[in-house]
Every structure is written in structure tokens, then in C-alpha cells.
Amino acid sequence: MYEGSRCCAGHAVNAEGSLDLDGIRANTCWLAEYGAGKDFIITPVGSMGKFYTAK
């Protein structure tokens, strides 16, 4: 069994609803820095169906 932290990274959107690529990049970099050297898993596309419903 895995012991540690797991993170399903959500996606950031701009005010008009489009993907905020700079926000996603910043969030992913922060998560990678936070988890460095720890038992930490990042699921980059989330696990709530966003990948299948993104336009």
C-alpha cells in the first residue's frame, strides 16, 4: 500500500473559461517543488473526468 500524499491537479481557467496555461504551469511547478524528495504523486489531468470533457 502506498503511504504518502496524492494530488489530483485541477486545471486553471481564465475569466472567459479558456484554459489558463500559465496558471497550470505555475501550479504544476509548485506541486513538483513541494513534492520533491517526498512520497508524493501528482495526477496531472485529474481524476474527475476533466480530460474527457475538456473542449
C-alpha atoms as a PDB file:
ATOM      1  CA  MET A   1       0.000   0.000   0.000  1.00  0.00           C
ATOM      2  CA  TYR A   2       1.237   3.465  -0.867  1.00  0.00           C
ATOM      3  CA  GLU A   3       1.844   5.833   2.034  1.00  0.00           C
ATOM      4  CA  GLY A   4       2.316   9.489   1.241  1.00  0.00           C
ATOM      5  CA  SER A   5       0.486  12.342  -0.431  1.00  0.00           C
ATOM      6  CA  ARG A   6      -1.512  12.211  -3.638  1.00  0.00           C
ATOM      7  CA  CYS A   7      -2.658  15.234  -5.589  1.00  0.00           C
ATOM      8  CA  CYS A   8      -5.090  15.364  -8.488  1.00  0.00           C
ATOM      9  CA  ALA A   9      -4.050  18.606 -10.134  1.00  0.00           C
ATOM     10  CA  GLY A  10      -7.036  20.613 -11.241  1.00  0.00           C
ATOM     11  CA  HIS A  11      -6.964  22.895 -14.227  1.00  0.00           C
ATOM     12  CA  ALA A  12      -6.976  26.672 -14.065  1.00  0.00           C
ATOM     13  CA  VAL A  13      -9.242  28.687 -16.346  1.00  0.00           C
ATOM     14  CA  ASN A  14      -9.310  32.342 -17.396  1.00  0.00           C
ATOM     15  CA  ALA A  15     -12.323  34.598 -16.835  1.00  0.00           C
ATOM     16  CA  GLU A  16     -13.728  33.651 -20.262  1.00  0.00           C
ATOM     17  CA  GLY A  17     -13.448  29.939 -19.448  1.00  0.00           C
ATOM     18  CA  SER A  18     -10.404  29.064 -21.585  1.00  0.00           C
ATOM     19  CA  LEU A  19      -7.502  27.112 -20.128  1.00  0.00           C
ATOM     20  CA  ASP A  20      -5.028  29.269 -18.216  1.00  0.00           C
ATOM     21  CA  LEU A  21      -1.823  27.605 -19.393  1.00  0.00           C
ATOM     22  CA  ASP A  22       0.390  29.941 -17.338  1.00  0.00           C
ATOM     23  CA  GLY A  23      -1.677  29.148 -14.240  1.00  0.00           C
ATOM     24  CA  ILE A  24      -1.496  25.409 -14.906  1.00  0.00           C
ATOM     25  CA  ARG A  25       2.279  25.669 -15.440  1.00  0.00           C
ATOM     26  CA  ALA A  26       2.765  27.645 -12.216  1.00  0.00           C
ATOM     27  CA  ASN A  27       0.604  25.230 -10.210  1.00  0.00           C
ATOM     28  CA  THR A  28       2.377  22.161 -11.620  1.00  0.00           C
ATOM     29  CA  CYS A  29       5.817  23.671 -10.896  1.00  0.00           C
ATOM     30  CA  TRP A  30       4.756  24.473  -7.331  1.00  0.00           C
ATOM     31  CA  LEU A  31       3.429  20.931  -6.806  1.00  0.00           C
ATOM     32  CA  ALA A  32       6.649  19.434  -8.218  1.00  0.00           C
ATOM     33  CA  GLU A  33       8.789  21.598  -5.928  1.00  0.00           C
ATOM     34  CA  TYR A  34       6.577  20.798  -2.925  1.00  0.00           C
ATOM     35  CA  GLY A  35       6.747  17.067  -3.572  1.00  0.00           C
ATOM     36  CA  ALA A  36      10.461  16.870  -4.392  1.00  0.00           C
ATOM     37  CA  GLY A  37      12.164  14.286  -2.199  1.00  0.00           C
ATOM     38  CA  LYS A  38       8.877  13.151  -0.631  1.00  0.00           C
ATOM     39  CA  ASP A  39       6.463  10.289  -1.246  1.00  0.00           C
ATOM     40  CA  PHE A  40       4.217  12.402  -3.439  1.00  0.00           C
ATOM     41  CA  ILE A  41       2.150  11.563  -6.546  1.00  0.00           C
ATOM     42  CA  ILE A  42       0.773  14.171  -8.967  1.00  0.00           C
ATOM     43  CA  THR A  43      -2.029  13.126 -11.302  1.00  0.00           C
ATOM     44  CA  PRO A  44      -1.686  15.876 -13.933  1.00  0.00           C
ATOM     45  CA  VAL A  45      -5.037  15.535 -15.692  1.00  0.00           C
ATOM     46  CA  GLY A  46      -7.018  14.975 -12.512  1.00  0.00           C
ATOM     47  CA  SER A  47      -9.305  12.029 -11.950  1.00  0.00           C
ATOM     48  CA  MET A  48     -12.717  13.642 -12.124  1.00  0.00           C
ATOM     49  CA  GLY A  49     -13.369  13.288 -15.860  1.00  0.00           C
ATOM     50  CA  LYS A  50     -11.983  16.675 -16.902  1.00  0.00           C
ATOM     51  CA  PHE A  51      -9.801  15.091 -19.589  1.00  0.00           C
ATOM     52  CA  TYR A  52     -12.859  13.658 -21.327  1.00  0.00           C
ATOM     53  CA  THR A  53     -14.990  16.807 -21.043  1.00  0.00           C
ATOM     54  CA  ALA A  54     -12.380  19.453 -21.980  1.00  0.00           C
ATOM     55  CA  LYS A  55     -13.136  21.290 -25.199  1.00  0.00           C
END
